Amino acid sequence: MMCKNIHMPTNLALDDRLIEDARRAGSHKSKKEAVTAALEEYVRKREQMRILEAFGTFPIDPAYDYKSERRRNTGHAPKRSLRRRP
């Protein structure tokens, strides 16, 4: 989960060329914007990797019928036809 609007002052020795490359690649207006975008992307990627690692680790219920779930009434109003009536 990403936290928004939390600012922490930091002093980091970062590769200026790399940050400038990232800024241009992402069309970011500032170094801060480029670094923030890179960190958000890094976190998203790690979360996706955790999900992928979990794939196949949950037991499968052989009695589960996904087709019956599709047909089940979800409580939504029926869709109206877009065809014009004669």
PDB file of N, CA and C in Angstrom:
ATOM      1  N   MET A   1       0.848  -1.163   0.000  1.00  0.00           N
ATOM      2  CA  MET A   1       0.000   0.000   0.000  1.00  0.00           C
ATOM      3  C   MET A   1       0.898   1.232   0.000  1.00  0.00           C
ATOM      4  N   MET A   2       0.597   2.169  -0.855  1.00  0.00           N
ATOM      5  CA  MET A   2       1.411   3.367  -0.959  1.00  0.00           C
ATOM      6  C   MET A   2       0.882   4.458  -0.040  1.00  0.00           C
ATOM      7  N   CYS A   3       1.806   5.154   0.595  1.00  0.00           N
ATOM      8  CA  CYS A   3       1.445   6.289   1.435  1.00  0.00           C
ATOM      9  C   CYS A   3       1.546   7.551   0.602  1.00  0.00           C
ATOM     10  N   LYS A   4       0.588   8.392   0.734  1.00  0.00           N
ATOM     11  CA  LYS A   4       0.584   9.650  -0.006  1.00  0.00           C
ATOM     12  C   LYS A   4       0.752  10.806   0.974  1.00  0.00           C
ATOM     13  N   ASN A   5       1.346  11.871   0.490  1.00  0.00           N
ATOM     14  CA  ASN A   5       1.475  13.112   1.238  1.00  0.00           C
ATOM     15  C   ASN A   5       2.306  12.988   2.503  1.00  0.00           C
ATOM     16  N   ILE A   6       3.229  12.062   2.536  1.00  0.00           N
ATOM     17  CA  ILE A   6       4.153  11.970   3.650  1.00  0.00           C
ATOM     18  C   ILE A   6       5.516  12.346   3.088  1.00  0.00           C
ATOM     19  N   HIS A   7       6.082  13.395   3.619  1.00  0.00           N
ATOM     20  CA  HIS A   7       7.354  13.889   3.114  1.00  0.00           C
ATOM     21  C   HIS A   7       8.413  13.702   4.179  1.00  0.00           C
ATOM     22  N   MET A   8       9.531  13.141   3.764  1.00  0.00           N
ATOM     23  CA  MET A   8      10.629  12.915   4.682  1.00  0.00           C
ATOM     24  C   MET A   8      11.874  13.535   4.060  1.00  0.00           C
ATOM     25  N   PRO A   9      12.459  14.521   4.692  1.00  0.00           N
ATOM     26  CA  PRO A   9      13.673  15.117   4.124  1.00  0.00           C
ATOM     27  C   PRO A   9      14.804  14.092   4.122  1.00  0.00           C
ATOM     28  N   THR A  10      15.496  13.991   3.008  1.00  0.00           N
ATOM     29  CA  THR A  10      16.587  13.029   2.887  1.00  0.00           C
ATOM     30  C   THR A  10      17.764  13.669   2.168  1.00  0.00           C
ATOM     31  N   ASN A  11      18.918  13.177   2.490  1.00  0.00           N
ATOM     32  CA  ASN A  11      20.127  13.535   1.761  1.00  0.00           C
ATOM     33  C   ASN A  11      20.709  12.245   1.226  1.00  0.00           C
ATOM     34  N   LEU A  12      20.660  12.082  -0.078  1.00  0.00           N
ATOM     35  CA  LEU A  12      21.171  10.877  -0.708  1.00  0.00           C
ATOM     36  C   LEU A  12      22.192  11.248  -1.775  1.00  0.00           C
ATOM     37  N   ALA A  13      23.238  10.465  -1.857  1.00  0.00           N
ATOM     38  CA  ALA A  13      24.206  10.654  -2.928  1.00  0.00           C
ATOM     39  C   ALA A  13      23.752   9.770  -4.098  1.00  0.00           C
ATOM     40  N   LEU A  14      23.085  10.379  -5.062  1.00  0.00           N
ATOM     41  CA  LEU A  14      22.546   9.639  -6.194  1.00  0.00           C
ATOM     42  C   LEU A  14      23.300  10.008  -7.463  1.00  0.00           C
ATOM     43  N   ASP A  15      23.281   9.108  -8.399  1.00  0.00           N
ATOM     44  CA  ASP A  15      23.947   9.320  -9.683  1.00  0.00           C
ATOM     45  C   ASP A  15      23.149  10.352 -10.486  1.00  0.00           C
ATOM     46  N   ASP A  16      23.688  11.543 -10.640  1.00  0.00           N
ATOM     47  CA  ASP A  16      22.983  12.622 -11.348  1.00  0.00           C
ATOM     48  C   ASP A  16      22.630  12.246 -12.778  1.00  0.00           C
ATOM     49  N   ARG A  17      23.530  11.547 -13.454  1.00  0.00           N
ATOM     50  CA  ARG A  17      23.271  11.151 -14.837  1.00  0.00           C
ATOM     51  C   ARG A  17      22.083  10.189 -14.896  1.00  0.00           C
ATOM     52  N   LEU A  18      22.037   9.254 -13.965  1.00  0.00           N
ATOM     53  CA  LEU A  18      20.947   8.280 -13.929  1.00  0.00           C
ATOM     54  C   LEU A  18      19.614   8.961 -13.635  1.00  0.00           C
ATOM     55  N   ILE A  19      19.618   9.884 -12.693  1.00  0.00           N
ATOM     56  CA  ILE A  19      18.380  10.606 -12.376  1.00  0.00           C
ATOM     57  C   ILE A  19      17.927  11.440 -13.566  1.00  0.00           C
ATOM     58  N   GLU A  20      18.866  12.085 -14.237  1.00  0.00           N
ATOM     59  CA  GLU A  20      18.505  12.891 -15.410  1.00  0.00           C
ATOM     60  C   GLU A  20      17.970  12.001 -16.523  1.00  0.00           C
ATOM     61  N   ASP A  21      18.563  10.824 -16.715  1.00  0.00           N
ATOM     62  CA  ASP A  21      18.049   9.876 -17.710  1.00  0.00           C
ATOM     63  C   ASP A  21      16.621   9.452 -17.358  1.00  0.00           C
ATOM     64  N   ALA A  22      16.378   9.193 -16.088  1.00  0.00           N
ATOM     65  CA  ALA A  22      15.039   8.799 -15.636  1.00  0.00           C
ATOM     66  C   ALA A  22      14.053   9.944 -15.822  1.00  0.00           C
ATOM     67  N   ARG A  23      14.493  11.153 -15.523  1.00  0.00           N
ATOM     68  CA  ARG A  23      13.622  12.325 -15.673  1.00  0.00           C
ATOM     69  C   ARG A  23      13.190  12.490 -17.115  1.00  0.00           C
ATOM     70  N   ARG A  24      14.148  12.362 -18.035  1.00  0.00           N
ATOM     71  CA  ARG A  24      13.819  12.500 -19.459  1.00  0.00           C
ATOM     72  C   ARG A  24      12.968  11.327 -19.961  1.00  0.00           C
ATOM     73  N   ALA A  25      13.318  10.124 -19.543  1.00  0.00           N
ATOM     74  CA  ALA A  25      12.590   8.929 -20.003  1.00  0.00           C
ATOM     75  C   ALA A  25      11.123   8.995 -19.594  1.00  0.00           C
ATOM     76  N   GLY A  26      10.862   9.527 -18.412  1.00  0.00           N
ATOM     77  CA  GLY A  26       9.487   9.616 -17.929  1.00  0.00           C
ATOM     78  C   GLY A  26       8.845  10.959 -18.174  1.00  0.00           C
ATOM     79  N   SER A  27       9.547  11.851 -18.850  1.00  0.00           N
ATOM     80  CA  SER A  27       9.055  13.210 -19.091  1.00  0.00           C
ATOM     81  C   SER A  27       8.671  13.909 -17.789  1.00  0.00           C
ATOM     82  N   HIS A  28       9.479  13.688 -16.766  1.00  0.00           N
ATOM     83  CA  HIS A  28       9.223  14.318 -15.478  1.00  0.00           C
ATOM     84  C   HIS A  28       9.802  15.730 -15.475  1.00  0.00           C
ATOM     85  N   LYS A  29       9.151  16.606 -14.768  1.00  0.00           N
ATOM     86  CA  LYS A  29       9.573  18.008 -14.714  1.00  0.00           C
ATOM     87  C   LYS A  29      10.724  18.239 -13.751  1.00  0.00           C
ATOM     88  N   SER A  30      10.875  17.366 -12.771  1.00  0.00           N
ATOM     89  CA  SER A  30      11.911  17.575 -11.766  1.00  0.00           C
ATOM     90  C   SER A  30      12.557  16.245 -11.387  1.00  0.00           C
ATOM     91  N   LYS A  31      13.713  16.355 -10.745  1.00  0.00           N
ATOM     92  CA  LYS A  31      14.394  15.151 -10.255  1.00  0.00           C
ATOM     93  C   LYS A  31      13.543  14.468  -9.191  1.00  0.00           C
ATOM     94  N   LYS A  32      12.939  15.273  -8.322  1.00  0.00           N
ATOM     95  CA  LYS A  32      12.097  14.717  -7.263  1.00  0.00           C
ATOM     96  C   LYS A  32      10.948  13.903  -7.855  1.00  0.00           C
ATOM     97  N   GLU A  33      10.313  14.445  -8.907  1.00  0.00           N
ATOM     98  CA  GLU A  33       9.206  13.738  -9.561  1.00  0.00           C
ATOM     99  C   GLU A  33       9.695  12.427 -10.168  1.00  0.00           C
ATOM    100  N   ALA A  34      10.883  12.446 -10.773  1.00  0.00           N
ATOM    101  CA  ALA A  34      11.440  11.231 -11.381  1.00  0.00           C
ATOM    102  C   ALA A  34      11.754  10.177 -10.328  1.00  0.00           C
ATOM    103  N   VAL A  35      12.354  10.604  -9.214  1.00  0.00           N
ATOM    104  CA  VAL A  35      12.705   9.662  -8.149  1.00  0.00           C
ATOM    105  C   VAL A  35      11.442   9.101  -7.510  1.00  0.00           C
ATOM    106  N   THR A  36      10.446   9.932  -7.278  1.00  0.00           N
ATOM    107  CA  THR A  36       9.182   9.467  -6.706  1.00  0.00           C
ATOM    108  C   THR A  36       8.514   8.441  -7.618  1.00  0.00           C
ATOM    109  N   ALA A  37       8.467   8.731  -8.914  1.00  0.00           N
ATOM    110  CA  ALA A  37       7.863   7.797  -9.877  1.00  0.00           C
ATOM    111  C   ALA A  37       8.632   6.479  -9.895  1.00  0.00           C
ATOM    112  N   ALA A  38       9.959   6.558  -9.840  1.00  0.00           N
ATOM    113  CA  ALA A  38      10.778   5.342  -9.852  1.00  0.00           C
ATOM    114  C   ALA A  38      10.523   4.495  -8.610  1.00  0.00           C
ATOM    115  N   LEU A  39      10.412   5.142  -7.466  1.00  0.00           N
ATOM    116  CA  LEU A  39      10.150   4.402  -6.229  1.00  0.00           C
ATOM    117  C   LEU A  39       8.762   3.772  -6.238  1.00  0.00           C
ATOM    118  N   GLU A  40       7.775   4.505  -6.740  1.00  0.00           N
ATOM    119  CA  GLU A  40       6.418   3.946  -6.826  1.00  0.00           C
ATOM    120  C   GLU A  40       6.397   2.741  -7.754  1.00  0.00           C
ATOM    121  N   GLU A  41       7.100   2.847  -8.869  1.00  0.00           N
ATOM    122  CA  GLU A  41       7.161   1.720  -9.806  1.00  0.00           C
ATOM    123  C   GLU A  41       7.861   0.525  -9.173  1.00  0.00           C
ATOM    124  N   TYR A  42       8.914   0.771  -8.431  1.00  0.00           N
ATOM    125  CA  TYR A  42       9.648  -0.284  -7.742  1.00  0.00           C
ATOM    126  C   TYR A  42       8.738  -1.022  -6.757  1.00  0.00           C
ATOM    127  N   VAL A  43       7.973  -0.259  -5.964  1.00  0.00           N
ATOM    128  CA  VAL A  43       7.065  -0.864  -4.981  1.00  0.00           C
ATOM    129  C   VAL A  43       5.988  -1.686  -5.686  1.00  0.00           C
ATOM    130  N   ARG A  44       5.387  -1.131  -6.757  1.00  0.00           N
ATOM    131  CA  ARG A  44       4.364  -1.869  -7.516  1.00  0.00           C
ATOM    132  C   ARG A  44       4.926  -3.179  -8.058  1.00  0.00           C
ATOM    133  N   LYS A  45       6.114  -3.123  -8.606  1.00  0.00           N
ATOM    134  CA  LYS A  45       6.741  -4.313  -9.183  1.00  0.00           C
ATOM    135  C   LYS A  45       6.970  -5.374  -8.111  1.00  0.00           C
ATOM    136  N   ARG A  46       7.450  -4.956  -6.945  1.00  0.00           N
ATOM    137  CA  ARG A  46       7.672  -5.912  -5.852  1.00  0.00           C
ATOM    138  C   ARG A  46       6.360  -6.531  -5.373  1.00  0.00           C
ATOM    139  N   GLU A  47       5.292  -5.725  -5.321  1.00  0.00           N
ATOM    140  CA  GLU A  47       3.985  -6.262  -4.925  1.00  0.00           C
ATOM    141  C   GLU A  47       3.482  -7.259  -5.957  1.00  0.00           C
ATOM    142  N   GLN A  48       3.689  -6.966  -7.233  1.00  0.00           N
ATOM    143  CA  GLN A  48       3.297  -7.901  -8.288  1.00  0.00           C
ATOM    144  C   GLN A  48       4.087  -9.200  -8.175  1.00  0.00           C
ATOM    145  N   MET A  49       5.365  -9.101  -7.869  1.00  0.00           N
ATOM    146  CA  MET A  49       6.195 -10.296  -7.724  1.00  0.00           C
ATOM    147  C   MET A  49       5.703 -11.170  -6.572  1.00  0.00           C
ATOM    148  N   ARG A  50       5.271 -10.537  -5.471  1.00  0.00           N
ATOM    149  CA  ARG A  50       4.730 -11.301  -4.345  1.00  0.00           C
ATOM    150  C   ARG A  50       3.482 -12.065  -4.754  1.00  0.00           C
ATOM    151  N   ILE A  51       2.629 -11.424  -5.559  1.00  0.00           N
ATOM    152  CA  ILE A  51       1.406 -12.078  -6.020  1.00  0.00           C
ATOM    153  C   ILE A  51       1.764 -13.258  -6.917  1.00  0.00           C
ATOM    154  N   LEU A  52       2.713 -13.048  -7.833  1.00  0.00           N
ATOM    155  CA  LEU A  52       3.116 -14.124  -8.725  1.00  0.00           C
ATOM    156  C   LEU A  52       3.742 -15.291  -7.967  1.00  0.00           C
ATOM    157  N   GLU A  53       4.505 -14.987  -6.936  1.00  0.00           N
ATOM    158  CA  GLU A  53       5.106 -16.049  -6.133  1.00  0.00           C
ATOM    159  C   GLU A  53       4.040 -16.874  -5.422  1.00  0.00           C
ATOM    160  N   ALA A  54       2.920 -16.260  -5.089  1.00  0.00           N
ATOM    161  CA  ALA A  54       1.831 -16.966  -4.400  1.00  0.00           C
ATOM    162  C   ALA A  54       1.017 -17.816  -5.368  1.00  0.00           C
ATOM    163  N   PHE A  55       1.138 -17.549  -6.664  1.00  0.00           N
ATOM    164  CA  PHE A  55       0.351 -18.282  -7.663  1.00  0.00           C
ATOM    165  C   PHE A  55       0.658 -19.772  -7.567  1.00  0.00           C
ATOM    166  N   GLY A  56      -0.390 -20.550  -7.478  1.00  0.00           N
ATOM    167  CA  GLY A  56      -0.240 -21.997  -7.408  1.00  0.00           C
ATOM    168  C   GLY A  56      -0.036 -22.527  -6.001  1.00  0.00           C
ATOM    169  N   THR A  57      -0.005 -21.675  -5.007  1.00  0.00           N
ATOM    170  CA  THR A  57       0.208 -22.140  -3.641  1.00  0.00           C
ATOM    171  C   THR A  57      -1.100 -22.313  -2.876  1.00  0.00           C
ATOM    172  N   PHE A  58      -2.223 -21.950  -3.492  1.00  0.00           N
ATOM    173  CA  PHE A  58      -3.519 -22.098  -2.847  1.00  0.00           C
ATOM    174  C   PHE A  58      -4.173 -23.381  -3.334  1.00  0.00           C
ATOM    175  N   PRO A  59      -4.836 -24.092  -2.439  1.00  0.00           N
ATOM    176  CA  PRO A  59      -5.493 -25.332  -2.862  1.00  0.00           C
ATOM    177  C   PRO A  59      -6.652 -25.047  -3.826  1.00  0.00           C
ATOM    178  N   ILE A  60      -6.836 -25.928  -4.763  1.00  0.00           N
ATOM    179  CA  ILE A  60      -7.907 -25.800  -5.754  1.00  0.00           C
ATOM    180  C   ILE A  60      -9.065 -26.690  -5.334  1.00  0.00           C
ATOM    181  N   ASP A  61     -10.275 -26.152  -5.385  1.00  0.00           N
ATOM    182  CA  ASP A  61     -11.482 -26.904  -5.061  1.00  0.00           C
ATOM    183  C   ASP A  61     -11.996 -27.530  -6.352  1.00  0.00           C
ATOM    184  N   PRO A  62     -11.876 -28.829  -6.522  1.00  0.00           N
ATOM    185  CA  PRO A  62     -12.316 -29.464  -7.769  1.00  0.00           C
ATOM    186  C   PRO A  62     -13.831 -29.369  -7.993  1.00  0.00           C
ATOM    187  N   ALA A  63     -14.598 -29.085  -6.944  1.00  0.00           N
ATOM    188  CA  ALA A  63     -16.060 -28.983  -7.074  1.00  0.00           C
ATOM    189  C   ALA A  63     -16.498 -27.583  -7.482  1.00  0.00           C
ATOM    190  N   TYR A  64     -15.590 -26.624  -7.524  1.00  0.00           N
ATOM    191  CA  TYR A  64     -15.951 -25.249  -7.865  1.00  0.00           C
ATOM    192  C   TYR A  64     -16.358 -25.168  -9.323  1.00  0.00           C
ATOM    193  N   ASP A  65     -17.516 -24.566  -9.568  1.00  0.00           N
ATOM    194  CA  ASP A  65     -18.047 -24.430 -10.924  1.00  0.00           C
ATOM    195  C   ASP A  65     -18.104 -22.948 -11.299  1.00  0.00           C
ATOM    196  N   TYR A  66     -17.088 -22.488 -12.006  1.00  0.00           N
ATOM    197  CA  TYR A  66     -17.036 -21.059 -12.332  1.00  0.00           C
ATOM    198  C   TYR A  66     -18.156 -20.652 -13.272  1.00  0.00           C
ATOM    199  N   LYS A  67     -18.644 -21.587 -14.095  1.00  0.00           N
ATOM    200  CA  LYS A  67     -19.734 -21.247 -15.022  1.00  0.00           C
ATOM    201  C   LYS A  67     -21.022 -20.942 -14.266  1.00  0.00           C
ATOM    202  N   SER A  68     -21.286 -21.691 -13.203  1.00  0.00           N
ATOM    203  CA  SER A  68     -22.499 -21.409 -12.430  1.00  0.00           C
ATOM    204  C   SER A  68     -22.375 -20.060 -11.723  1.00  0.00           C
ATOM    205  N   GLU A  69     -21.172 -19.687 -11.332  1.00  0.00           N
ATOM    206  CA  GLU A  69     -20.966 -18.378 -10.717  1.00  0.00           C
ATOM    207  C   GLU A  69     -21.244 -17.256 -11.709  1.00  0.00           C
ATOM    208  N   ARG A  70     -20.906 -17.467 -12.957  1.00  0.00           N
ATOM    209  CA  ARG A  70     -21.173 -16.460 -13.990  1.00  0.00           C
ATOM    210  C   ARG A  70     -22.667 -16.267 -14.197  1.00  0.00           C
ATOM    211  N   ARG A  71     -23.409 -17.370 -14.108  1.00  0.00           N
ATOM    212  CA  ARG A  71     -24.852 -17.313 -14.351  1.00  0.00           C
ATOM    213  C   ARG A  71     -25.635 -16.822 -13.150  1.00  0.00           C
ATOM    214  N   ARG A  72     -24.996 -16.814 -12.002  1.00  0.00           N
ATOM    215  CA  ARG A  72     -25.669 -16.440 -10.759  1.00  0.00           C
ATOM    216  C   ARG A  72     -26.147 -14.994 -10.833  1.00  0.00           C
ATOM    217  N   ASN A  73     -27.331 -14.754 -10.302  1.00  0.00           N
ATOM    218  CA  ASN A  73     -27.886 -13.409 -10.275  1.00  0.00           C
ATOM    219  C   ASN A  73     -27.059 -12.565  -9.318  1.00  0.00           C
ATOM    220  N   THR A  74     -26.507 -11.476  -9.804  1.00  0.00           N
ATOM    221  CA  THR A  74     -25.663 -10.621  -8.980  1.00  0.00           C
ATOM    222  C   THR A  74     -26.428  -9.469  -8.369  1.00  0.00           C
ATOM    223  N   GLY A  75     -27.716  -9.358  -8.637  1.00  0.00           N
ATOM    224  CA  GLY A  75     -28.504  -8.280  -8.077  1.00  0.00           C
ATOM    225  C   GLY A  75     -28.512  -7.031  -8.940  1.00  0.00           C
ATOM    226  N   HIS A  76     -27.783  -7.048 -10.036  1.00  0.00           N
ATOM    227  CA  HIS A  76     -27.770  -5.901 -10.936  1.00  0.00           C
ATOM    228  C   HIS A  76     -28.991  -5.931 -11.840  1.00  0.00           C
ATOM    229  N   ALA A  77     -29.415  -4.782 -12.246  1.00  0.00           N
ATOM    230  CA  ALA A  77     -30.545  -4.703 -13.179  1.00  0.00           C
ATOM    231  C   ALA A  77     -30.121  -5.321 -14.509  1.00  0.00           C
ATOM    232  N   PRO A  78     -31.039  -5.992 -15.202  1.00  0.00           N
ATOM    233  CA  PRO A  78     -30.676  -6.589 -16.486  1.00  0.00           C
ATOM    234  C   PRO A  78     -30.283  -5.505 -17.481  1.00  0.00           C
ATOM    235  N   LYS A  79     -29.321  -5.848 -18.338  1.00  0.00           N
ATOM    236  CA  LYS A  79     -28.885  -4.888 -19.346  1.00  0.00           C
ATOM    237  C   LYS A  79     -29.956  -4.729 -20.401  1.00  0.00           C
ATOM    238  N   ARG A  80     -30.130  -3.490 -20.826  1.00  0.00           N
ATOM    239  CA  ARG A  80     -31.138  -3.213 -21.848  1.00  0.00           C
ATOM    240  C   ARG A  80     -30.498  -3.331 -23.214  1.00  0.00           C
ATOM    241  N   SER A  81     -31.243  -3.809 -24.141  1.00  0.00           N
ATOM    242  CA  SER A  81     -30.762  -3.976 -25.480  1.00  0.00           C
ATOM    243  C   SER A  81     -30.590  -2.611 -26.146  1.00  0.00           C
ATOM    244  N   LEU A  82     -29.547  -2.500 -26.950  1.00  0.00           N
ATOM    245  CA  LEU A  82     -29.291  -1.264 -27.676  1.00  0.00           C
ATOM    246  C   LEU A  82     -30.040  -1.232 -29.008  1.00  0.00           C
ATOM    247  N   ARG A  83     -30.684  -2.351 -29.352  1.00  0.00           N
ATOM    248  CA  ARG A  83     -31.419  -2.407 -30.607  1.00  0.00           C
ATOM    249  C   ARG A  83     -32.699  -1.589 -30.494  1.00  0.00           C
ATOM    250  N   ARG A  84     -33.046  -0.930 -31.590  1.00  0.00           N
ATOM    251  CA  ARG A  84     -34.280  -0.155 -31.606  1.00  0.00           C
ATOM    252  C   ARG A  84     -35.470  -1.074 -31.808  1.00  0.00           C
ATOM    253  N   ARG A  85     -36.548  -0.703 -31.170  1.00  0.00           N
ATOM    254  CA  ARG A  85     -37.778  -1.493 -31.336  1.00  0.00           C
ATOM    255  C   ARG A  85     -38.463  -1.068 -32.613  1.00  0.00           C
ATOM    256  N   PRO A  86     -39.079  -2.013 -33.313  1.00  0.00           N
ATOM    257  CA  PRO A  86     -39.759  -1.666 -34.572  1.00  0.00           C
ATOM    258  C   PRO A  86     -40.988  -0.817 -34.373  1.00  0.00           C
TER     259      PRO A  86
END
